[in-house]
Amino acid sequence: MFRGLASWTSHPGNHQAGTMATRQAASELISIDPANGAEIARVRITSAQELDAVVARAWNAFRHSGWKSLLPHQRALVLHAIADGLAAEKQALARLRCCSTPASR
């Protein structure tokens, strides 16, 4: 597993509207490195019913989060924090991306 990605690839469920939804079924999609056949990650498959619930919770979070009432500079602070988090994981993200594209190695 890549450093920094363990929590992304081995979590017990899906992150949905600010909470972690635990696995309700054993259905998983296994991501395989096409270059060597090694397992990269396992991703939980979400059912149609779960997806409907996720969309409803996300829509509710969007409407009631207060995001619309934030001033532009306040939104910028949030977006910069997200960018900083992604930048902190850029090496691990690049390695993960390369695993799905053997020609780019």
C-alpha atoms as a PDB file:
ATOM      1  CA  MET A   1       0.000   0.000   0.000  1.00  0.00           C
ATOM      2  CA  PHE A   2       1.268   3.502  -0.690  1.00  0.00           C
ATOM      3  CA  ARG A   3       2.210   5.715   2.232  1.00  0.00           C
ATOM      4  CA  GLY A   4      -0.633   8.095   2.976  1.00  0.00           C
ATOM      5  CA  LEU A   5      -3.236   6.125   1.051  1.00  0.00           C
ATOM      6  CA  ALA A   6      -3.916   3.297   3.496  1.00  0.00           C
ATOM      7  CA  SER A   7      -6.977   5.032   4.906  1.00  0.00           C
ATOM      8  CA  TRP A   8      -8.301   5.657   1.394  1.00  0.00           C
ATOM      9  CA  THR A   9      -7.921   2.100   0.200  1.00  0.00           C
ATOM     10  CA  SER A  10      -8.735   0.028   3.279  1.00  0.00           C
ATOM     11  CA  HIS A  11     -11.535   1.948   4.961  1.00  0.00           C
ATOM     12  CA  PRO A  12     -14.600   0.061   6.238  1.00  0.00           C
ATOM     13  CA  GLY A  13     -17.119   1.883   4.048  1.00  0.00           C
ATOM     14  CA  ASN A  14     -17.843   5.028   2.056  1.00  0.00           C
ATOM     15  CA  HIS A  15     -17.593   8.610   3.267  1.00  0.00           C
ATOM     16  CA  GLN A  16     -21.045  10.118   2.816  1.00  0.00           C
ATOM     17  CA  ALA A  17     -22.123  13.655   3.724  1.00  0.00           C
ATOM     18  CA  GLY A  18     -19.676  13.977   6.589  1.00  0.00           C
ATOM     19  CA  THR A  19     -20.082  10.475   8.021  1.00  0.00           C
ATOM     20  CA  MET A  20     -18.603   7.073   7.280  1.00  0.00           C
ATOM     21  CA  ALA A  21     -21.195   4.595   6.020  1.00  0.00           C
ATOM     22  CA  THR A  22     -20.147   1.096   7.035  1.00  0.00           C
ATOM     23  CA  ARG A  23     -20.196  -1.887   4.716  1.00  0.00           C
ATOM     24  CA  GLN A  24     -23.646  -3.410   4.408  1.00  0.00           C
ATOM     25  CA  ALA A  25     -22.666  -6.018   1.848  1.00  0.00           C
ATOM     26  CA  ALA A  26     -19.564  -7.945   0.922  1.00  0.00           C
ATOM     27  CA  SER A  27     -19.569  -6.599  -2.638  1.00  0.00           C
ATOM     28  CA  GLU A  28     -16.220  -5.090  -3.538  1.00  0.00           C
ATOM     29  CA  LEU A  29     -14.476  -3.992  -6.675  1.00  0.00           C
ATOM     30  CA  ILE A  30     -10.819  -5.008  -6.647  1.00  0.00           C
ATOM     31  CA  SER A  31      -8.454  -2.620  -8.416  1.00  0.00           C
ATOM     32  CA  ILE A  32      -5.574  -4.467 -10.078  1.00  0.00           C
ATOM     33  CA  ASP A  33      -2.273  -3.006 -11.281  1.00  0.00           C
ATOM     34  CA  PRO A  34      -2.333  -3.874 -15.011  1.00  0.00           C
ATOM     35  CA  ALA A  35       1.471  -3.982 -15.166  1.00  0.00           C
ATOM     36  CA  ASN A  36       1.953  -6.792 -12.661  1.00  0.00           C
ATOM     37  CA  GLY A  37      -1.485  -8.036 -11.615  1.00  0.00           C
ATOM     38  CA  ALA A  38      -1.011  -6.947  -7.995  1.00  0.00           C
ATOM     39  CA  GLU A  39      -3.999  -5.765  -6.001  1.00  0.00           C
ATOM     40  CA  ILE A  40      -3.942  -1.995  -5.493  1.00  0.00           C
ATOM     41  CA  ALA A  41      -7.118  -1.493  -3.501  1.00  0.00           C
ATOM     42  CA  ARG A  42     -10.577  -2.787  -2.713  1.00  0.00           C
ATOM     43  CA  VAL A  43     -13.491  -0.423  -3.176  1.00  0.00           C
ATOM     44  CA  ARG A  44     -16.909  -1.030  -1.696  1.00  0.00           C
ATOM     45  CA  ILE A  45     -19.710  -1.254  -4.264  1.00  0.00           C
ATOM     46  CA  THR A  46     -22.666   0.906  -3.292  1.00  0.00           C
ATOM     47  CA  SER A  47     -26.170  -0.392  -4.031  1.00  0.00           C
ATOM     48  CA  ALA A  48     -28.748   1.708  -5.878  1.00  0.00           C
ATOM     49  CA  GLN A  49     -30.716   2.187  -2.644  1.00  0.00           C
ATOM     50  CA  GLU A  50     -27.605   3.289  -0.773  1.00  0.00           C
ATOM     51  CA  LEU A  51     -26.702   5.647  -3.603  1.00  0.00           C
ATOM     52  CA  ASP A  52     -30.150   7.258  -3.474  1.00  0.00           C
ATOM     53  CA  ALA A  53     -29.698   7.786   0.279  1.00  0.00           C
ATOM     54  CA  VAL A  54     -26.203   9.212  -0.259  1.00  0.00           C
ATOM     55  CA  VAL A  55     -27.468  11.687  -2.857  1.00  0.00           C
ATOM     56  CA  ALA A  56     -30.315  12.759  -0.551  1.00  0.00           C
ATOM     57  CA  ARG A  57     -27.888  13.298   2.362  1.00  0.00           C
ATOM     58  CA  ALA A  58     -25.444  15.185   0.132  1.00  0.00           C
ATOM     59  CA  TRP A  59     -28.202  17.430  -1.194  1.00  0.00           C
ATOM     60  CA  ASN A  60     -29.387  18.091   2.362  1.00  0.00           C
ATOM     61  CA  ALA A  61     -25.827  18.889   3.472  1.00  0.00           C
ATOM     62  CA  PHE A  62     -25.417  21.260   0.520  1.00  0.00           C
ATOM     63  CA  ARG A  63     -28.644  23.109   1.304  1.00  0.00           C
ATOM     64  CA  HIS A  64     -27.991  23.390   5.044  1.00  0.00           C
ATOM     65  CA  SER A  65     -24.194  23.630   5.293  1.00  0.00           C
ATOM     66  CA  GLY A  66     -24.010  27.408   5.280  1.00  0.00           C
ATOM     67  CA  TRP A  67     -21.729  27.371   2.225  1.00  0.00           C
ATOM     68  CA  LYS A  68     -24.062  29.724   0.317  1.00  0.00           C
ATOM     69  CA  SER A  69     -23.846  32.305   3.098  1.00  0.00           C
ATOM     70  CA  LEU A  70     -20.032  32.339   3.248  1.00  0.00           C
ATOM     71  CA  LEU A  71     -18.259  35.350   1.833  1.00  0.00           C
ATOM     72  CA  PRO A  72     -15.829  34.732  -1.038  1.00  0.00           C
ATOM     73  CA  HIS A  73     -12.744  35.025   1.183  1.00  0.00           C
ATOM     74  CA  GLN A  74     -14.269  32.508   3.627  1.00  0.00           C
ATOM     75  CA  ARG A  75     -14.903  30.039   0.820  1.00  0.00           C
ATOM     76  CA  ALA A  76     -11.333  30.601  -0.362  1.00  0.00           C
ATOM     77  CA  LEU A  77     -10.019  29.521   3.061  1.00  0.00           C
ATOM     78  CA  VAL A  78     -11.911  26.232   2.788  1.00  0.00           C
ATOM     79  CA  LEU A  79     -10.788  25.629  -0.793  1.00  0.00           C
ATOM     80  CA  HIS A  80      -7.161  26.415   0.074  1.00  0.00           C
ATOM     81  CA  ALA A  81      -7.310  23.933   2.976  1.00  0.00           C
ATOM     82  CA  ILE A  82      -8.559  21.262   0.551  1.00  0.00           C
ATOM     83  CA  ALA A  83      -5.773  22.157  -1.895  1.00  0.00           C
ATOM     84  CA  ASP A  84      -3.198  21.927   0.913  1.00  0.00           C
ATOM     85  CA  GLY A  85      -4.480  18.468   1.842  1.00  0.00           C
ATOM     86  CA  LEU A  86      -4.182  17.288  -1.760  1.00  0.00           C
ATOM     87  CA  ALA A  87      -0.719  18.829  -2.093  1.00  0.00           C
ATOM     88  CA  ALA A  88       0.413  16.989   1.040  1.00  0.00           C
ATOM     89  CA  GLU A  89      -0.528  13.689  -0.641  1.00  0.00           C
ATOM     90  CA  LYS A  90       0.699  14.546  -4.144  1.00  0.00           C
ATOM     91  CA  GLN A  91       3.406  11.864  -4.253  1.00  0.00           C
ATOM     92  CA  ALA A  92       1.044   9.121  -3.100  1.00  0.00           C
ATOM     93  CA  LEU A  93      -1.682  10.320  -5.481  1.00  0.00           C
ATOM     94  CA  ALA A  94       0.766  10.365  -8.391  1.00  0.00           C
ATOM     95  CA  ARG A  95       1.884   6.794  -7.610  1.00  0.00           C
ATOM     96  CA  LEU A  96      -1.726   5.631  -7.414  1.00  0.00           C
ATOM     97  CA  ARG A  97      -2.537   7.299 -10.740  1.00  0.00           C
ATOM     98  CA  CYS A  98       0.485   5.684 -12.377  1.00  0.00           C
ATOM     99  CA  CYS A  99      -0.674   2.249 -11.231  1.00  0.00           C
ATOM    100  CA  SER A 100      -3.725   2.545 -13.452  1.00  0.00           C
ATOM    101  CA  THR A 101      -1.701   3.737 -16.454  1.00  0.00           C
ATOM    102  CA  PRO A 102       1.277   1.442 -17.116  1.00  0.00           C
ATOM    103  CA  ALA A 103       2.447   3.475 -20.115  1.00  0.00           C
ATOM    104  CA  SER A 104       3.048   6.499 -17.886  1.00  0.00           C
ATOM    105  CA  ARG A 105       5.647   4.768 -15.683  1.00  0.00           C
END
